[in-house]
PDB file of N, CA and C in Angstrom:
ATOM      1  N   MET A   1     -14.611 -38.158  10.657  1.00  0.00           N
ATOM      2  CA  MET A   1     -14.133 -36.936  10.071  1.00  0.00           C
ATOM      3  C   MET A   1     -12.620 -36.865  10.130  1.00  0.00           C
ATOM      4  N   ILE A   2     -12.013 -36.308   9.050  1.00  0.00           N
ATOM      5  CA  ILE A   2     -10.525 -36.148   9.108  1.00  0.00           C
ATOM      6  C   ILE A   2     -10.182 -34.658   9.035  1.00  0.00           C
ATOM      7  N   LYS A   3      -8.955 -34.445   9.474  1.00  0.00           N
ATOM      8  CA  LYS A   3      -8.401 -33.031   9.394  1.00  0.00           C
ATOM      9  C   LYS A   3      -7.103 -33.133   8.609  1.00  0.00           C
ATOM     10  N   VAL A   4      -6.977 -32.303   7.611  1.00  0.00           N
ATOM     11  CA  VAL A   4      -5.760 -32.230   6.824  1.00  0.00           C
ATOM     12  C   VAL A   4      -5.038 -30.923   7.263  1.00  0.00           C
ATOM     13  N   SER A   5      -3.904 -31.132   7.866  1.00  0.00           N
ATOM     14  CA  SER A   5      -3.146 -29.930   8.334  1.00  0.00           C
ATOM     15  C   SER A   5      -1.963 -29.701   7.410  1.00  0.00           C
ATOM     16  N   VAL A   6      -1.806 -28.471   6.920  1.00  0.00           N
ATOM     17  CA  VAL A   6      -0.683 -28.058   6.110  1.00  0.00           C
ATOM     18  C   VAL A   6       0.160 -27.054   7.030  1.00  0.00           C
ATOM     19  N   MET A   7       1.315 -27.499   7.369  1.00  0.00           N
ATOM     20  CA  MET A   7       2.092 -26.719   8.365  1.00  0.00           C
ATOM     21  C   MET A   7       3.380 -26.189   7.625  1.00  0.00           C
ATOM     22  N   TYR A   8       3.441 -24.885   7.778  1.00  0.00           N
ATOM     23  CA  TYR A   8       4.634 -24.128   7.143  1.00  0.00           C
ATOM     24  C   TYR A   8       5.748 -23.887   8.200  1.00  0.00           C
ATOM     25  N   PRO A   9       6.849 -24.631   8.086  1.00  0.00           N
ATOM     26  CA  PRO A   9       7.838 -24.458   9.108  1.00  0.00           C
ATOM     27  C   PRO A   9       8.406 -23.103   9.152  1.00  0.00           C
ATOM     28  N   ASN A  10       8.719 -22.620  10.354  1.00  0.00           N
ATOM     29  CA  ASN A  10       9.319 -21.296  10.623  1.00  0.00           C
ATOM     30  C   ASN A  10      10.775 -21.421  10.595  1.00  0.00           C
ATOM     31  N   GLY A  11      11.515 -20.339  10.364  1.00  0.00           N
ATOM     32  CA  GLY A  11      12.948 -20.360  10.391  1.00  0.00           C
ATOM     33  C   GLY A  11      13.470 -19.029  10.044  1.00  0.00           C
ATOM     34  N   LYS A  12      14.831 -18.973  10.165  1.00  0.00           N
ATOM     35  CA  LYS A  12      15.550 -17.663   9.988  1.00  0.00           C
ATOM     36  C   LYS A  12      15.209 -16.996   8.649  1.00  0.00           C
ATOM     37  N   ASP A  13      15.260 -17.744   7.524  1.00  0.00           N
ATOM     38  CA  ASP A  13      15.083 -17.177   6.258  1.00  0.00           C
ATOM     39  C   ASP A  13      13.716 -17.388   5.640  1.00  0.00           C
ATOM     40  N   VAL A  14      12.739 -17.795   6.471  1.00  0.00           N
ATOM     41  CA  VAL A  14      11.403 -18.107   5.938  1.00  0.00           C
ATOM     42  C   VAL A  14      10.658 -16.807   5.647  1.00  0.00           C
ATOM     43  N   GLN A  15      10.052 -16.780   4.442  1.00  0.00           N
ATOM     44  CA  GLN A  15       9.208 -15.662   4.091  1.00  0.00           C
ATOM     45  C   GLN A  15       7.770 -16.238   3.933  1.00  0.00           C
ATOM     46  N   PHE A  16       6.800 -15.478   4.480  1.00  0.00           N
ATOM     47  CA  PHE A  16       5.444 -15.900   4.424  1.00  0.00           C
ATOM     48  C   PHE A  16       4.556 -14.696   4.363  1.00  0.00           C
ATOM     49  N   ASP A  17       3.789 -14.573   3.265  1.00  0.00           N
ATOM     50  CA  ASP A  17       2.901 -13.428   3.025  1.00  0.00           C
ATOM     51  C   ASP A  17       1.518 -13.765   3.590  1.00  0.00           C
ATOM     52  N   THR A  18       1.234 -13.455   4.774  1.00  0.00           N
ATOM     53  CA  THR A  18       0.049 -13.849   5.449  1.00  0.00           C
ATOM     54  C   THR A  18      -1.227 -13.330   4.784  1.00  0.00           C
ATOM     55  N   GLU A  19      -1.200 -12.058   4.307  1.00  0.00           N
ATOM     56  CA  GLU A  19      -2.271 -11.420   3.680  1.00  0.00           C
ATOM     57  C   GLU A  19      -2.627 -12.097   2.345  1.00  0.00           C
ATOM     58  N   TYR A  20      -1.624 -12.441   1.591  1.00  0.00           N
ATOM     59  CA  TYR A  20      -1.902 -13.238   0.306  1.00  0.00           C
ATOM     60  C   TYR A  20      -2.533 -14.528   0.682  1.00  0.00           C
ATOM     61  N   TYR A  21      -1.950 -15.253   1.581  1.00  0.00           N
ATOM     62  CA  TYR A  21      -2.451 -16.611   2.018  1.00  0.00           C
ATOM     63  C   TYR A  21      -3.887 -16.496   2.459  1.00  0.00           C
ATOM     64  N   LYS A  22      -4.189 -15.519   3.262  1.00  0.00           N
ATOM     65  CA  LYS A  22      -5.613 -15.406   3.810  1.00  0.00           C
ATOM     66  C   LYS A  22      -6.563 -14.909   2.718  1.00  0.00           C
ATOM     67  N   ASN A  23      -6.151 -14.034   1.902  1.00  0.00           N
ATOM     68  CA  ASN A  23      -7.074 -13.350   0.994  1.00  0.00           C
ATOM     69  C   ASN A  23      -7.135 -13.893  -0.420  1.00  0.00           C
ATOM     70  N   LYS A  24      -6.106 -14.705  -0.791  1.00  0.00           N
ATOM     71  CA  LYS A  24      -6.039 -15.291  -2.158  1.00  0.00           C
ATOM     72  C   LYS A  24      -5.965 -16.747  -2.194  1.00  0.00           C
ATOM     73  N   HIS A  25      -4.956 -17.309  -1.479  1.00  0.00           N
ATOM     74  CA  HIS A  25      -4.720 -18.761  -1.590  1.00  0.00           C
ATOM     75  C   HIS A  25      -5.814 -19.543  -0.894  1.00  0.00           C
ATOM     76  N   LEU A  26      -6.139 -19.280   0.317  1.00  0.00           N
ATOM     77  CA  LEU A  26      -7.218 -20.028   1.004  1.00  0.00           C
ATOM     78  C   LEU A  26      -8.630 -19.893   0.339  1.00  0.00           C
ATOM     79  N   PRO A  27      -8.986 -18.662  -0.090  1.00  0.00           N
ATOM     80  CA  PRO A  27     -10.302 -18.589  -0.783  1.00  0.00           C
ATOM     81  C   PRO A  27     -10.319 -19.448  -2.070  1.00  0.00           C
ATOM     82  N   MET A  28      -9.121 -19.498  -2.750  1.00  0.00           N
ATOM     83  CA  MET A  28      -9.026 -20.333  -4.013  1.00  0.00           C
ATOM     84  C   MET A  28      -9.343 -21.753  -3.601  1.00  0.00           C
ATOM     85  N   ILE A  29      -8.721 -22.196  -2.496  1.00  0.00           N
ATOM     86  CA  ILE A  29      -8.999 -23.634  -2.097  1.00  0.00           C
ATOM     87  C   ILE A  29     -10.431 -23.821  -1.717  1.00  0.00           C
ATOM     88  N   VAL A  30     -10.986 -22.947  -0.925  1.00  0.00           N
ATOM     89  CA  VAL A  30     -12.437 -23.044  -0.486  1.00  0.00           C
ATOM     90  C   VAL A  30     -13.310 -23.163  -1.770  1.00  0.00           C
ATOM     91  N   ASN A  31     -13.069 -22.285  -2.734  1.00  0.00           N
ATOM     92  CA  ASN A  31     -13.935 -22.313  -3.930  1.00  0.00           C
ATOM     93  C   ASN A  31     -13.720 -23.619  -4.743  1.00  0.00           C
ATOM     94  N   ALA A  32     -12.528 -24.081  -4.798  1.00  0.00           N
ATOM     95  CA  ALA A  32     -12.268 -25.305  -5.652  1.00  0.00           C
ATOM     96  C   ALA A  32     -12.810 -26.534  -4.995  1.00  0.00           C
ATOM     97  N   LEU A  33     -12.791 -26.605  -3.644  1.00  0.00           N
ATOM     98  CA  LEU A  33     -13.170 -27.878  -2.957  1.00  0.00           C
ATOM     99  C   LEU A  33     -14.661 -27.927  -2.746  1.00  0.00           C
ATOM    100  N   GLY A  34     -15.330 -26.808  -2.806  1.00  0.00           N
ATOM    101  CA  GLY A  34     -16.815 -26.818  -2.665  1.00  0.00           C
ATOM    102  C   GLY A  34     -17.343 -27.480  -1.438  1.00  0.00           C
ATOM    103  N   ASP A  35     -18.408 -28.200  -1.518  1.00  0.00           N
ATOM    104  CA  ASP A  35     -19.061 -28.864  -0.390  1.00  0.00           C
ATOM    105  C   ASP A  35     -18.248 -29.942   0.297  1.00  0.00           C
ATOM    106  N   ALA A  36     -17.271 -30.428  -0.339  1.00  0.00           N
ATOM    107  CA  ALA A  36     -16.398 -31.459   0.237  1.00  0.00           C
ATOM    108  C   ALA A  36     -15.659 -30.992   1.475  1.00  0.00           C
ATOM    109  N   LEU A  37     -15.341 -29.696   1.449  1.00  0.00           N
ATOM    110  CA  LEU A  37     -14.657 -29.028   2.567  1.00  0.00           C
ATOM    111  C   LEU A  37     -15.713 -28.702   3.661  1.00  0.00           C
ATOM    112  N   LYS A  38     -15.477 -29.302   4.821  1.00  0.00           N
ATOM    113  CA  LYS A  38     -16.418 -29.103   5.911  1.00  0.00           C
ATOM    114  C   LYS A  38     -16.042 -28.043   6.915  1.00  0.00           C
ATOM    115  N   GLY A  39     -14.825 -27.570   6.844  1.00  0.00           N
ATOM    116  CA  GLY A  39     -14.346 -26.504   7.674  1.00  0.00           C
ATOM    117  C   GLY A  39     -12.896 -26.152   7.430  1.00  0.00           C
ATOM    118  N   LEU A  40     -12.578 -24.911   7.766  1.00  0.00           N
ATOM    119  CA  LEU A  40     -11.159 -24.481   7.527  1.00  0.00           C
ATOM    120  C   LEU A  40     -10.793 -23.577   8.653  1.00  0.00           C
ATOM    121  N   GLU A  41      -9.629 -23.754   9.197  1.00  0.00           N
ATOM    122  CA  GLU A  41      -9.131 -22.948  10.266  1.00  0.00           C
ATOM    123  C   GLU A  41      -7.640 -22.549   9.923  1.00  0.00           C
ATOM    124  N   LEU A  42      -7.221 -21.391  10.286  1.00  0.00           N
ATOM    125  CA  LEU A  42      -5.889 -20.926  10.069  1.00  0.00           C
ATOM    126  C   LEU A  42      -5.245 -20.570  11.419  1.00  0.00           C
ATOM    127  N   ASP A  43      -4.143 -21.222  11.757  1.00  0.00           N
ATOM    128  CA  ASP A  43      -3.345 -20.788  12.918  1.00  0.00           C
ATOM    129  C   ASP A  43      -2.131 -20.045  12.377  1.00  0.00           C
ATOM    130  N   LEU A  44      -1.870 -18.830  12.979  1.00  0.00           N
ATOM    131  CA  LEU A  44      -0.657 -18.082  12.685  1.00  0.00           C
ATOM    132  C   LEU A  44       0.225 -18.173  13.890  1.00  0.00           C
ATOM    133  N   GLY A  45       1.439 -18.666  13.698  1.00  0.00           N
ATOM    134  CA  GLY A  45       2.353 -18.830  14.733  1.00  0.00           C
ATOM    135  C   GLY A  45       2.769 -17.565  15.513  1.00  0.00           C
ATOM    136  N   VAL A  46       2.703 -17.477  16.798  1.00  0.00           N
ATOM    137  CA  VAL A  46       3.062 -16.324  17.596  1.00  0.00           C
ATOM    138  C   VAL A  46       4.316 -16.582  18.387  1.00  0.00           C
ATOM    139  N   ALA A  47       4.372 -17.728  19.067  1.00  0.00           N
ATOM    140  CA  ALA A  47       5.515 -18.015  19.942  1.00  0.00           C
ATOM    141  C   ALA A  47       5.554 -19.504  20.203  1.00  0.00           C
ATOM    142  N   SER A  48       6.587 -19.919  20.937  1.00  0.00           N
ATOM    143  CA  SER A  48       6.716 -21.307  21.280  1.00  0.00           C
ATOM    144  C   SER A  48       6.497 -21.462  22.822  1.00  0.00           C
ATOM    145  N   ARG A  49       7.302 -22.210  23.489  1.00  0.00           N
ATOM    146  CA  ARG A  49       7.087 -22.409  24.915  1.00  0.00           C
ATOM    147  C   ARG A  49       7.225 -21.131  25.723  1.00  0.00           C
ATOM    148  N   GLY A  50       8.196 -20.320  25.285  1.00  0.00           N
ATOM    149  CA  GLY A  50       8.366 -19.068  25.900  1.00  0.00           C
ATOM    150  C   GLY A  50       8.051 -17.923  24.872  1.00  0.00           C
ATOM    151  N   LEU A  51       7.537 -16.829  25.344  1.00  0.00           N
ATOM    152  CA  LEU A  51       7.149 -15.781  24.384  1.00  0.00           C
ATOM    153  C   LEU A  51       8.410 -15.241  23.549  1.00  0.00           C
ATOM    154  N   GLU A  52       9.647 -15.505  24.081  1.00  0.00           N
ATOM    155  CA  GLU A  52      10.774 -15.079  23.365  1.00  0.00           C
ATOM    156  C   GLU A  52      11.245 -16.034  22.254  1.00  0.00           C
ATOM    157  N   GLU A  53      10.630 -17.226  22.245  1.00  0.00           N
ATOM    158  CA  GLU A  53      10.931 -18.280  21.281  1.00  0.00           C
ATOM    159  C   GLU A  53       9.979 -18.184  20.081  1.00  0.00           C
ATOM    160  N   SER A  54      10.495 -18.249  18.904  1.00  0.00           N
ATOM    161  CA  SER A  54       9.647 -18.196  17.697  1.00  0.00           C
ATOM    162  C   SER A  54       8.806 -19.502  17.657  1.00  0.00           C
ATOM    163  N   ALA A  55       7.629 -19.328  17.078  1.00  0.00           N
ATOM    164  CA  ALA A  55       6.806 -20.523  16.908  1.00  0.00           C
ATOM    165  C   ALA A  55       7.449 -21.492  15.840  1.00  0.00           C
ATOM    166  N   PRO A  56       7.269 -22.789  16.054  1.00  0.00           N
ATOM    167  CA  PRO A  56       7.887 -23.733  15.079  1.00  0.00           C
ATOM    168  C   PRO A  56       7.247 -23.689  13.688  1.00  0.00           C
ATOM    169  N   TYR A  57       6.078 -23.189  13.581  1.00  0.00           N
ATOM    170  CA  TYR A  57       5.375 -23.081  12.299  1.00  0.00           C
ATOM    171  C   TYR A  57       4.918 -21.561  12.150  1.00  0.00           C
ATOM    172  N   VAL A  58       5.096 -21.048  10.997  1.00  0.00           N
ATOM    173  CA  VAL A  58       4.693 -19.695  10.760  1.00  0.00           C
ATOM    174  C   VAL A  58       3.153 -19.635  10.529  1.00  0.00           C
ATOM    175  N   ALA A  59       2.696 -20.713   9.969  1.00  0.00           N
ATOM    176  CA  ALA A  59       1.199 -20.873   9.736  1.00  0.00           C
ATOM    177  C   ALA A  59       0.819 -22.356   9.645  1.00  0.00           C
ATOM    178  N   ILE A  60      -0.390 -22.664   9.998  1.00  0.00           N
ATOM    179  CA  ILE A  60      -0.918 -24.021   9.858  1.00  0.00           C
ATOM    180  C   ILE A  60      -2.366 -23.872   9.421  1.00  0.00           C
ATOM    181  N   ALA A  61      -2.691 -24.446   8.314  1.00  0.00           N
ATOM    182  CA  ALA A  61      -4.102 -24.483   7.831  1.00  0.00           C
ATOM    183  C   ALA A  61      -4.639 -25.856   8.130  1.00  0.00           C
ATOM    184  N   HIS A  62      -5.868 -25.903   8.638  1.00  0.00           N
ATOM    185  CA  HIS A  62      -6.533 -27.145   9.010  1.00  0.00           C
ATOM    186  C   HIS A  62      -7.830 -27.244   8.163  1.00  0.00           C
ATOM    187  N   LEU A  63      -7.904 -28.224   7.329  1.00  0.00           N
ATOM    188  CA  LEU A  63      -9.071 -28.425   6.436  1.00  0.00           C
ATOM    189  C   LEU A  63      -9.733 -29.697   6.926  1.00  0.00           C
ATOM    190  N   LYS A  64     -11.074 -29.614   7.026  1.00  0.00           N
ATOM    191  CA  LYS A  64     -11.810 -30.766   7.516  1.00  0.00           C
ATOM    192  C   LYS A  64     -12.650 -31.342   6.414  1.00  0.00           C
ATOM    193  N   PHE A  65     -12.656 -32.716   6.346  1.00  0.00           N
ATOM    194  CA  PHE A  65     -13.394 -33.485   5.354  1.00  0.00           C
ATOM    195  C   PHE A  65     -14.069 -34.665   6.011  1.00  0.00           C
ATOM    196  N   ASP A  66     -15.147 -35.192   5.423  1.00  0.00           N
ATOM    197  CA  ASP A  66     -15.818 -36.299   5.951  1.00  0.00           C
ATOM    198  C   ASP A  66     -14.921 -37.575   5.987  1.00  0.00           C
ATOM    199  N   SER A  67     -14.048 -37.716   4.956  1.00  0.00           N
ATOM    200  CA  SER A  67     -13.254 -38.879   4.825  1.00  0.00           C
ATOM    201  C   SER A  67     -11.965 -38.647   3.953  1.00  0.00           C
ATOM    202  N   ILE A  68     -11.037 -39.522   4.061  1.00  0.00           N
ATOM    203  CA  ILE A  68      -9.846 -39.452   3.177  1.00  0.00           C
ATOM    204  C   ILE A  68     -10.250 -39.496   1.717  1.00  0.00           C
ATOM    205  N   THR A  69     -11.212 -40.303   1.383  1.00  0.00           N
ATOM    206  CA  THR A  69     -11.673 -40.379   0.032  1.00  0.00           C
ATOM    207  C   THR A  69     -12.199 -39.052  -0.466  1.00  0.00           C
ATOM    208  N   SER A  70     -13.045 -38.411   0.361  1.00  0.00           N
ATOM    209  CA  SER A  70     -13.584 -37.087   0.039  1.00  0.00           C
ATOM    210  C   SER A  70     -12.469 -36.117  -0.160  1.00  0.00           C
ATOM    211  N   PHE A  71     -11.435 -36.128   0.684  1.00  0.00           N
ATOM    212  CA  PHE A  71     -10.319 -35.236   0.506  1.00  0.00           C
ATOM    213  C   PHE A  71      -9.617 -35.510  -0.814  1.00  0.00           C
ATOM    214  N   GLN A  72      -9.304 -36.737  -1.069  1.00  0.00           N
ATOM    215  CA  GLN A  72      -8.602 -37.074  -2.279  1.00  0.00           C
ATOM    216  C   GLN A  72      -9.344 -36.690  -3.541  1.00  0.00           C
ATOM    217  N   GLU A  73     -10.649 -36.962  -3.565  1.00  0.00           N
ATOM    218  CA  GLU A  73     -11.413 -36.749  -4.705  1.00  0.00           C
ATOM    219  C   GLU A  73     -11.584 -35.249  -5.048  1.00  0.00           C
ATOM    220  N   SER A  74     -11.696 -34.446  -3.906  1.00  0.00           N
ATOM    221  CA  SER A  74     -11.871 -33.018  -4.153  1.00  0.00           C
ATOM    222  C   SER A  74     -10.618 -32.257  -4.346  1.00  0.00           C
ATOM    223  N   PHE A  75      -9.561 -32.668  -3.578  1.00  0.00           N
ATOM    224  CA  PHE A  75      -8.240 -31.924  -3.602  1.00  0.00           C
ATOM    225  C   PHE A  75      -7.435 -32.347  -4.776  1.00  0.00           C
ATOM    226  N   GLY A  76      -7.490 -33.624  -5.082  1.00  0.00           N
ATOM    227  CA  GLY A  76      -6.577 -34.190  -6.185  1.00  0.00           C
ATOM    228  C   GLY A  76      -6.528 -33.480  -7.465  1.00  0.00           C
ATOM    229  N   PRO A  77      -7.690 -33.168  -8.041  1.00  0.00           N
ATOM    230  CA  PRO A  77      -7.747 -32.527  -9.352  1.00  0.00           C
ATOM    231  C   PRO A  77      -7.124 -31.074  -9.318  1.00  0.00           C
ATOM    232  N   HIS A  78      -6.990 -30.486  -8.135  1.00  0.00           N
ATOM    233  CA  HIS A  78      -6.500 -29.138  -7.975  1.00  0.00           C
ATOM    234  C   HIS A  78      -5.102 -29.057  -7.418  1.00  0.00           C
ATOM    235  N   GLY A  79      -4.527 -30.180  -7.019  1.00  0.00           N
ATOM    236  CA  GLY A  79      -3.310 -30.217  -6.291  1.00  0.00           C
ATOM    237  C   GLY A  79      -2.176 -29.453  -7.030  1.00  0.00           C
ATOM    238  N   GLU A  80      -2.044 -29.609  -8.348  1.00  0.00           N
ATOM    239  CA  GLU A  80      -0.997 -28.920  -9.067  1.00  0.00           C
ATOM    240  C   GLU A  80      -1.223 -27.362  -9.021  1.00  0.00           C
ATOM    241  N   THR A  81      -2.449 -26.967  -9.139  1.00  0.00           N
ATOM    242  CA  THR A  81      -2.752 -25.526  -9.128  1.00  0.00           C
ATOM    243  C   THR A  81      -2.408 -24.928  -7.760  1.00  0.00           C
ATOM    244  N   PHE A  82      -2.843 -25.635  -6.689  1.00  0.00           N
ATOM    245  CA  PHE A  82      -2.530 -25.181  -5.338  1.00  0.00           C
ATOM    246  C   PHE A  82      -1.029 -25.124  -5.100  1.00  0.00           C
ATOM    247  N   ALA A  83      -0.307 -26.153  -5.510  1.00  0.00           N
ATOM    248  CA  ALA A  83       1.177 -26.170  -5.336  1.00  0.00           C
ATOM    249  C   ALA A  83       1.871 -25.089  -6.083  1.00  0.00           C
ATOM    250  N   ALA A  84       1.354 -24.821  -7.330  1.00  0.00           N
ATOM    251  CA  ALA A  84       2.016 -23.722  -8.121  1.00  0.00           C
ATOM    252  C   ALA A  84       1.806 -22.317  -7.465  1.00  0.00           C
ATOM    253  N   ASP A  85       0.852 -22.202  -6.625  1.00  0.00           N
ATOM    254  CA  ASP A  85       0.594 -20.856  -6.098  1.00  0.00           C
ATOM    255  C   ASP A  85       1.464 -20.641  -4.843  1.00  0.00           C
ATOM    256  N   VAL A  86       2.154 -21.598  -4.288  1.00  0.00           N
ATOM    257  CA  VAL A  86       2.929 -21.470  -3.117  1.00  0.00           C
ATOM    258  C   VAL A  86       4.032 -20.349  -3.271  1.00  0.00           C
ATOM    259  N   LYS A  87       4.606 -20.241  -4.505  1.00  0.00           N
ATOM    260  CA  LYS A  87       5.606 -19.236  -4.712  1.00  0.00           C
ATOM    261  C   LYS A  87       5.122 -17.823  -4.570  1.00  0.00           C
ATOM    262  N   ASN A  88       3.781 -17.651  -4.560  1.00  0.00           N
ATOM    263  CA  ASN A  88       3.219 -16.328  -4.465  1.00  0.00           C
ATOM    264  C   ASN A  88       3.108 -15.880  -2.952  1.00  0.00           C
ATOM    265  N   TYR A  89       3.278 -16.770  -1.991  1.00  0.00           N
ATOM    266  CA  TYR A  89       3.225 -16.405  -0.625  1.00  0.00           C
ATOM    267  C   TYR A  89       4.347 -16.924   0.316  1.00  0.00           C
ATOM    268  N   SER A  90       5.117 -17.907  -0.154  1.00  0.00           N
ATOM    269  CA  SER A  90       6.174 -18.420   0.742  1.00  0.00           C
ATOM    270  C   SER A  90       7.335 -19.012  -0.033  1.00  0.00           C
ATOM    271  N   ASN A  91       8.457 -19.070   0.661  1.00  0.00           N
ATOM    272  CA  ASN A  91       9.654 -19.735   0.130  1.00  0.00           C
ATOM    273  C   ASN A  91       9.862 -21.095   0.744  1.00  0.00           C
ATOM    274  N   VAL A  92       8.891 -21.607   1.510  1.00  0.00           N
ATOM    275  CA  VAL A  92       8.922 -22.904   2.087  1.00  0.00           C
ATOM    276  C   VAL A  92       7.673 -23.706   1.657  1.00  0.00           C
ATOM    277  N   GLN A  93       7.890 -25.003   1.578  1.00  0.00           N
ATOM    278  CA  GLN A  93       6.749 -25.876   1.292  1.00  0.00           C
ATOM    279  C   GLN A  93       6.084 -26.362   2.567  1.00  0.00           C
ATOM    280  N   GLY A  94       4.802 -26.476   2.573  1.00  0.00           N
ATOM    281  CA  GLY A  94       4.066 -26.929   3.719  1.00  0.00           C
ATOM    282  C   GLY A  94       4.281 -28.427   3.927  1.00  0.00           C
ATOM    283  N   VAL A  95       4.212 -28.879   5.160  1.00  0.00           N
ATOM    284  CA  VAL A  95       4.266 -30.265   5.545  1.00  0.00           C
ATOM    285  C   VAL A  95       2.839 -30.695   5.739  1.00  0.00           C
ATOM    286  N   LEU A  96       2.369 -31.738   5.131  1.00  0.00           N
ATOM    287  CA  LEU A  96       1.019 -32.117   5.216  1.00  0.00           C
ATOM    288  C   LEU A  96       0.815 -33.341   6.189  1.00  0.00           C
ATOM    289  N   GLN A  97      -0.193 -33.308   6.969  1.00  0.00           N
ATOM    290  CA  GLN A  97      -0.568 -34.444   7.864  1.00  0.00           C
ATOM    291  C   GLN A  97      -2.081 -34.585   7.800  1.00  0.00           C
ATOM    292  N   ILE A  98      -2.467 -35.833   7.645  1.00  0.00           N
ATOM    293  CA  ILE A  98      -3.852 -36.239   7.732  1.00  0.00           C
ATOM    294  C   ILE A  98      -4.107 -36.924   9.109  1.00  0.00           C
ATOM    295  N   SER A  99      -5.124 -36.401   9.796  1.00  0.00           N
ATOM    296  CA  SER A  99      -5.347 -36.920  11.112  1.00  0.00           C
ATOM    297  C   SER A  99      -6.887 -37.268  11.246  1.00  0.00           C
ATOM    298  N   GLU A 100      -7.122 -38.288  12.040  1.00  0.00           N
ATOM    299  CA  GLU A 100      -8.487 -38.570  12.391  1.00  0.00           C
ATOM    300  C   GLU A 100      -8.916 -37.542  13.431  1.00  0.00           C
ATOM    301  N   LEU A 101     -10.043 -36.930  13.239  1.00  0.00           N
ATOM    302  CA  LEU A 101     -10.512 -35.810  14.113  1.00  0.00           C
ATOM    303  C   LEU A 101     -11.452 -36.484  15.149  1.00  0.00           C
ATOM    304  N   ILE A 102     -11.000 -36.347  16.400  1.00  0.00           N
ATOM    305  CA  ILE A 102     -11.852 -36.851  17.528  1.00  0.00           C
ATOM    306  C   ILE A 102     -12.175 -35.630  18.373  1.00  0.00           C
ATOM    307  N   THR A 103     -13.471 -35.437  18.618  1.00  0.00           N
ATOM    308  CA  THR A 103     -13.862 -34.298  19.383  1.00  0.00           C
ATOM    309  C   THR A 103     -14.478 -34.852  20.727  1.00  0.00           C
ATOM    310  N   PHE A 104     -14.391 -34.128  21.771  1.00  0.00           N
ATOM    311  CA  PHE A 104     -14.936 -34.496  23.098  1.00  0.00           C
ATOM    312  C   PHE A 104     -15.993 -33.505  23.539  1.00  0.00           C
TER     313      PHE A 104
END
């Protein structure tokens, strides 16, 4: 299983509409990916090492798939639509990382 993490960097001038992201963007992705998507988690940044330090990422979405191929085949046809929606919730682009998911 793999995990695709989309991490939105935090910073002084970063704008991020959490409600839009949770209630519009992520449901659009869930509906488009169908059964290929095996799970979705959303982390909302609260703090860093100390509570007085801002979190390095304002939000991180974790999408789970059986394989990289499954991710590419399901996500690829919708990539432009997903990317075009970013302007509706943030002024920063997400950083994408694909990881092998190992559970204990």
